[in-house]
Amino acid sequence: MLSSLIRQLGSASTKATFGIVVGAIVTFWAVIGLFAGFPTWWQTVLYSVSSSVTLLMVFVLQHTQNHQQMAVQRKLDELIRSFPHADDRLISAEAASTDELLELSELHLAKRSEATVTPPLPPSLRTARPNP
């Protein structure tokens, strides 16, 4: 329930309407400060609210990004699992230790370099070169 609420807040904060509402609130608060002569209580409330909102939004954004990353990882895991020749060790590689990731990286670099080497043409496709 809380996770869903946090994701909804993160999604709402990306909308233009949210920015307009925040801009209106800030403008309203500045007008109050202008008419009140920018007293100490006004500054204290401003600093407290802005610090609290900033801290809250950091956690909202972190939670939302973590949720999206987990969903993408599950989709990638399913793609890897569905291909018969795929390396199953890559499923949930994000949970592997640094040593395991380095080993996988070296293995796949070796496979990539093997794939980029141009194999010789079979004899049936070779053309005879004329002798000079």
C-alpha atoms as a PDB file:
ATOM      1  CA  MET A   1       0.000   0.000   0.000  1.00  0.00           C
ATOM      2  CA  LEU A   2       2.729   2.472   1.002  1.00  0.00           C
ATOM      3  CA  SER A   3       4.874   1.406  -1.946  1.00  0.00           C
ATOM      4  CA  SER A   4       1.993   2.026  -4.339  1.00  0.00           C
ATOM      5  CA  LEU A   5       1.343   5.444  -2.796  1.00  0.00           C
ATOM      6  CA  ILE A   6       5.020   6.384  -3.121  1.00  0.00           C
ATOM      7  CA  ARG A   7       5.063   5.287  -6.784  1.00  0.00           C
ATOM      8  CA  GLN A   8       1.926   7.354  -7.454  1.00  0.00           C
ATOM      9  CA  LEU A   9       3.567  10.388  -5.841  1.00  0.00           C
ATOM     10  CA  GLY A  10       6.680   9.822  -7.971  1.00  0.00           C
ATOM     11  CA  SER A  11       4.541   9.547 -11.097  1.00  0.00           C
ATOM     12  CA  ALA A  12       2.520  12.650 -10.199  1.00  0.00           C
ATOM     13  CA  SER A  13       5.678  14.679  -9.637  1.00  0.00           C
ATOM     14  CA  THR A  14       6.654  14.211 -13.281  1.00  0.00           C
ATOM     15  CA  LYS A  15       3.497  15.892 -14.578  1.00  0.00           C
ATOM     16  CA  ALA A  16       3.431  19.528 -15.709  1.00  0.00           C
ATOM     17  CA  THR A  17       0.427  20.193 -13.475  1.00  0.00           C
ATOM     18  CA  PHE A  18       2.494  19.272 -10.426  1.00  0.00           C
ATOM     19  CA  GLY A  19       5.135  21.818 -11.407  1.00  0.00           C
ATOM     20  CA  ILE A  20       2.504  24.510 -11.923  1.00  0.00           C
ATOM     21  CA  VAL A  21       0.953  23.808  -8.517  1.00  0.00           C
ATOM     22  CA  VAL A  22       4.348  23.930  -6.804  1.00  0.00           C
ATOM     23  CA  GLY A  23       5.183  27.148  -8.634  1.00  0.00           C
ATOM     24  CA  ALA A  24       1.875  28.683  -7.501  1.00  0.00           C
ATOM     25  CA  ILE A  25       2.526  27.667  -3.885  1.00  0.00           C
ATOM     26  CA  VAL A  26       6.027  29.160  -3.972  1.00  0.00           C
ATOM     27  CA  THR A  27       4.696  32.375  -5.512  1.00  0.00           C
ATOM     28  CA  PHE A  28       1.933  32.573  -2.893  1.00  0.00           C
ATOM     29  CA  TRP A  29       4.496  32.018  -0.125  1.00  0.00           C
ATOM     30  CA  ALA A  30       6.746  34.748  -1.570  1.00  0.00           C
ATOM     31  CA  VAL A  31       3.806  37.196  -1.657  1.00  0.00           C
ATOM     32  CA  ILE A  32       3.039  36.394   2.000  1.00  0.00           C
ATOM     33  CA  GLY A  33       6.684  37.041   2.845  1.00  0.00           C
ATOM     34  CA  LEU A  34       6.665  40.301   0.899  1.00  0.00           C
ATOM     35  CA  PHE A  35       3.596  41.651   2.699  1.00  0.00           C
ATOM     36  CA  ALA A  36       4.808  40.391   6.095  1.00  0.00           C
ATOM     37  CA  GLY A  37       8.261  41.951   5.635  1.00  0.00           C
ATOM     38  CA  PHE A  38      10.061  38.573   5.427  1.00  0.00           C
ATOM     39  CA  PRO A  39       9.988  37.915   9.190  1.00  0.00           C
ATOM     40  CA  THR A  40      12.066  35.240  10.895  1.00  0.00           C
ATOM     41  CA  TRP A  41       9.112  32.841  11.276  1.00  0.00           C
ATOM     42  CA  TRP A  42       8.506  33.060   7.498  1.00  0.00           C
ATOM     43  CA  GLN A  43      12.103  32.092   6.735  1.00  0.00           C
ATOM     44  CA  THR A  44      12.054  29.304   9.315  1.00  0.00           C
ATOM     45  CA  VAL A  45       8.892  27.783   7.809  1.00  0.00           C
ATOM     46  CA  LEU A  46      10.331  28.158   4.295  1.00  0.00           C
ATOM     47  CA  TYR A  47      13.593  26.396   5.179  1.00  0.00           C
ATOM     48  CA  SER A  48      11.867  23.648   7.157  1.00  0.00           C
ATOM     49  CA  VAL A  49       9.304  22.871   4.478  1.00  0.00           C
ATOM     50  CA  SER A  50      11.765  22.995   1.592  1.00  0.00           C
ATOM     51  CA  SER A  51      14.224  20.718   3.423  1.00  0.00           C
ATOM     52  CA  SER A  52      11.473  18.242   4.321  1.00  0.00           C
ATOM     53  CA  VAL A  53      10.070  18.146   0.793  1.00  0.00           C
ATOM     54  CA  THR A  54      13.555  17.689  -0.675  1.00  0.00           C
ATOM     55  CA  LEU A  55      14.310  14.776   1.648  1.00  0.00           C
ATOM     56  CA  LEU A  56      10.934  13.182   0.941  1.00  0.00           C
ATOM     57  CA  MET A  57      11.387  13.490  -2.823  1.00  0.00           C
ATOM     58  CA  VAL A  58      14.839  11.899  -2.654  1.00  0.00           C
ATOM     59  CA  PHE A  59      13.295   8.796  -1.089  1.00  0.00           C
ATOM     60  CA  VAL A  60      10.324   8.834  -3.487  1.00  0.00           C
ATOM     61  CA  LEU A  61      12.622   9.003  -6.515  1.00  0.00           C
ATOM     62  CA  GLN A  62      14.932   6.310  -5.138  1.00  0.00           C
ATOM     63  CA  HIS A  63      11.999   3.998  -4.432  1.00  0.00           C
ATOM     64  CA  THR A  64      10.465   4.570  -7.868  1.00  0.00           C
ATOM     65  CA  GLN A  65      13.757   3.992  -9.686  1.00  0.00           C
ATOM     66  CA  ASN A  66      14.431   0.838  -7.668  1.00  0.00           C
ATOM     67  CA  HIS A  67      10.966  -0.506  -8.534  1.00  0.00           C
ATOM     68  CA  GLN A  68      11.453   0.212 -12.242  1.00  0.00           C
ATOM     69  CA  GLN A  69      14.922  -1.327 -12.228  1.00  0.00           C
ATOM     70  CA  MET A  70      13.622  -4.515 -10.604  1.00  0.00           C
ATOM     71  CA  ALA A  71      10.869  -4.786 -13.234  1.00  0.00           C
ATOM     72  CA  VAL A  72      13.376  -4.332 -16.077  1.00  0.00           C
ATOM     73  CA  GLN A  73      15.684  -6.945 -14.532  1.00  0.00           C
ATOM     74  CA  ARG A  74      12.848  -9.496 -14.342  1.00  0.00           C
ATOM     75  CA  LYS A  75      12.015  -8.853 -18.006  1.00  0.00           C
ATOM     76  CA  LEU A  76      15.653  -9.296 -19.013  1.00  0.00           C
ATOM     77  CA  ASP A  77      15.881 -12.480 -16.930  1.00  0.00           C
ATOM     78  CA  GLU A  78      12.838 -13.849 -18.746  1.00  0.00           C
ATOM     79  CA  LEU A  79      14.369 -13.020 -22.134  1.00  0.00           C
ATOM     80  CA  ILE A  80      17.604 -14.786 -21.189  1.00  0.00           C
ATOM     81  CA  ARG A  81      15.691 -17.794 -19.872  1.00  0.00           C
ATOM     82  CA  SER A  82      13.633 -18.063 -23.062  1.00  0.00           C
ATOM     83  CA  PHE A  83      16.613 -18.380 -25.431  1.00  0.00           C
ATOM     84  CA  PRO A  84      17.956 -21.944 -25.535  1.00  0.00           C
ATOM     85  CA  HIS A  85      21.588 -20.963 -26.184  1.00  0.00           C
ATOM     86  CA  ALA A  86      21.689 -18.101 -23.686  1.00  0.00           C
ATOM     87  CA  ASP A  87      24.028 -18.240 -20.710  1.00  0.00           C
ATOM     88  CA  ASP A  88      21.757 -18.932 -17.727  1.00  0.00           C
ATOM     89  CA  ARG A  89      24.415 -17.564 -15.395  1.00  0.00           C
ATOM     90  CA  LEU A  90      23.334 -14.088 -16.511  1.00  0.00           C
ATOM     91  CA  ILE A  91      19.920 -14.509 -14.894  1.00  0.00           C
ATOM     92  CA  SER A  92      19.960 -12.420 -11.715  1.00  0.00           C
ATOM     93  CA  ALA A  93      23.527 -11.324 -12.396  1.00  0.00           C
ATOM     94  CA  GLU A  94      22.786  -8.178 -10.383  1.00  0.00           C
ATOM     95  CA  ALA A  95      22.924 -10.351  -7.242  1.00  0.00           C
ATOM     96  CA  ALA A  96      26.351 -11.810  -8.119  1.00  0.00           C
ATOM     97  CA  SER A  97      29.525 -10.930  -6.285  1.00  0.00           C
ATOM     98  CA  THR A  98      32.132  -8.683  -7.887  1.00  0.00           C
ATOM     99  CA  ASP A  99      34.369 -11.668  -8.615  1.00  0.00           C
ATOM    100  CA  GLU A 100      31.511 -13.509 -10.345  1.00  0.00           C
ATOM    101  CA  LEU A 101      30.708 -10.428 -12.446  1.00  0.00           C
ATOM    102  CA  LEU A 102      34.358 -10.078 -13.471  1.00  0.00           C
ATOM    103  CA  GLU A 103      34.453 -13.764 -14.441  1.00  0.00           C
ATOM    104  CA  LEU A 104      31.275 -13.381 -16.533  1.00  0.00           C
ATOM    105  CA  SER A 105      32.667 -10.240 -18.128  1.00  0.00           C
ATOM    106  CA  GLU A 106      35.922 -11.957 -19.109  1.00  0.00           C
ATOM    107  CA  LEU A 107      34.024 -14.958 -20.473  1.00  0.00           C
ATOM    108  CA  HIS A 108      31.793 -12.794 -22.627  1.00  0.00           C
ATOM    109  CA  LEU A 109      34.687 -10.644 -23.838  1.00  0.00           C
ATOM    110  CA  ALA A 110      36.383 -13.819 -25.030  1.00  0.00           C
ATOM    111  CA  LYS A 111      33.177 -14.948 -26.767  1.00  0.00           C
ATOM    112  CA  ARG A 112      32.784 -11.513 -28.380  1.00  0.00           C
ATOM    113  CA  SER A 113      36.334 -11.547 -29.742  1.00  0.00           C
ATOM    114  CA  GLU A 114      35.749 -15.054 -31.155  1.00  0.00           C
ATOM    115  CA  ALA A 115      32.588 -13.813 -32.862  1.00  0.00           C
ATOM    116  CA  THR A 116      34.318 -10.844 -34.448  1.00  0.00           C
ATOM    117  CA  VAL A 117      37.067 -12.920 -36.067  1.00  0.00           C
ATOM    118  CA  THR A 118      36.158 -13.420 -39.716  1.00  0.00           C
ATOM    119  CA  PRO A 119      36.027 -17.124 -40.499  1.00  0.00           C
ATOM    120  CA  PRO A 120      37.598 -18.283 -43.745  1.00  0.00           C
ATOM    121  CA  LEU A 121      35.284 -18.812 -46.681  1.00  0.00           C
ATOM    122  CA  PRO A 122      34.450 -22.401 -47.575  1.00  0.00           C
ATOM    123  CA  PRO A 123      36.173 -23.645 -50.722  1.00  0.00           C
ATOM    124  CA  SER A 124      32.943 -23.598 -52.733  1.00  0.00           C
ATOM    125  CA  LEU A 125      32.647 -19.814 -52.233  1.00  0.00           C
ATOM    126  CA  ARG A 126      36.256 -18.936 -52.952  1.00  0.00           C
ATOM    127  CA  THR A 127      37.012 -17.471 -56.333  1.00  0.00           C
ATOM    128  CA  ALA A 128      40.139 -18.365 -58.125  1.00  0.00           C
ATOM    129  CA  ARG A 129      42.584 -15.488 -58.450  1.00  0.00           C
ATOM    130  CA  PRO A 130      44.205 -15.110 -61.819  1.00  0.00           C
ATOM    131  CA  ASN A 131      47.964 -15.474 -61.793  1.00  0.00           C
ATOM    132  CA  PRO A 132      49.800 -12.339 -62.955  1.00  0.00           C
END
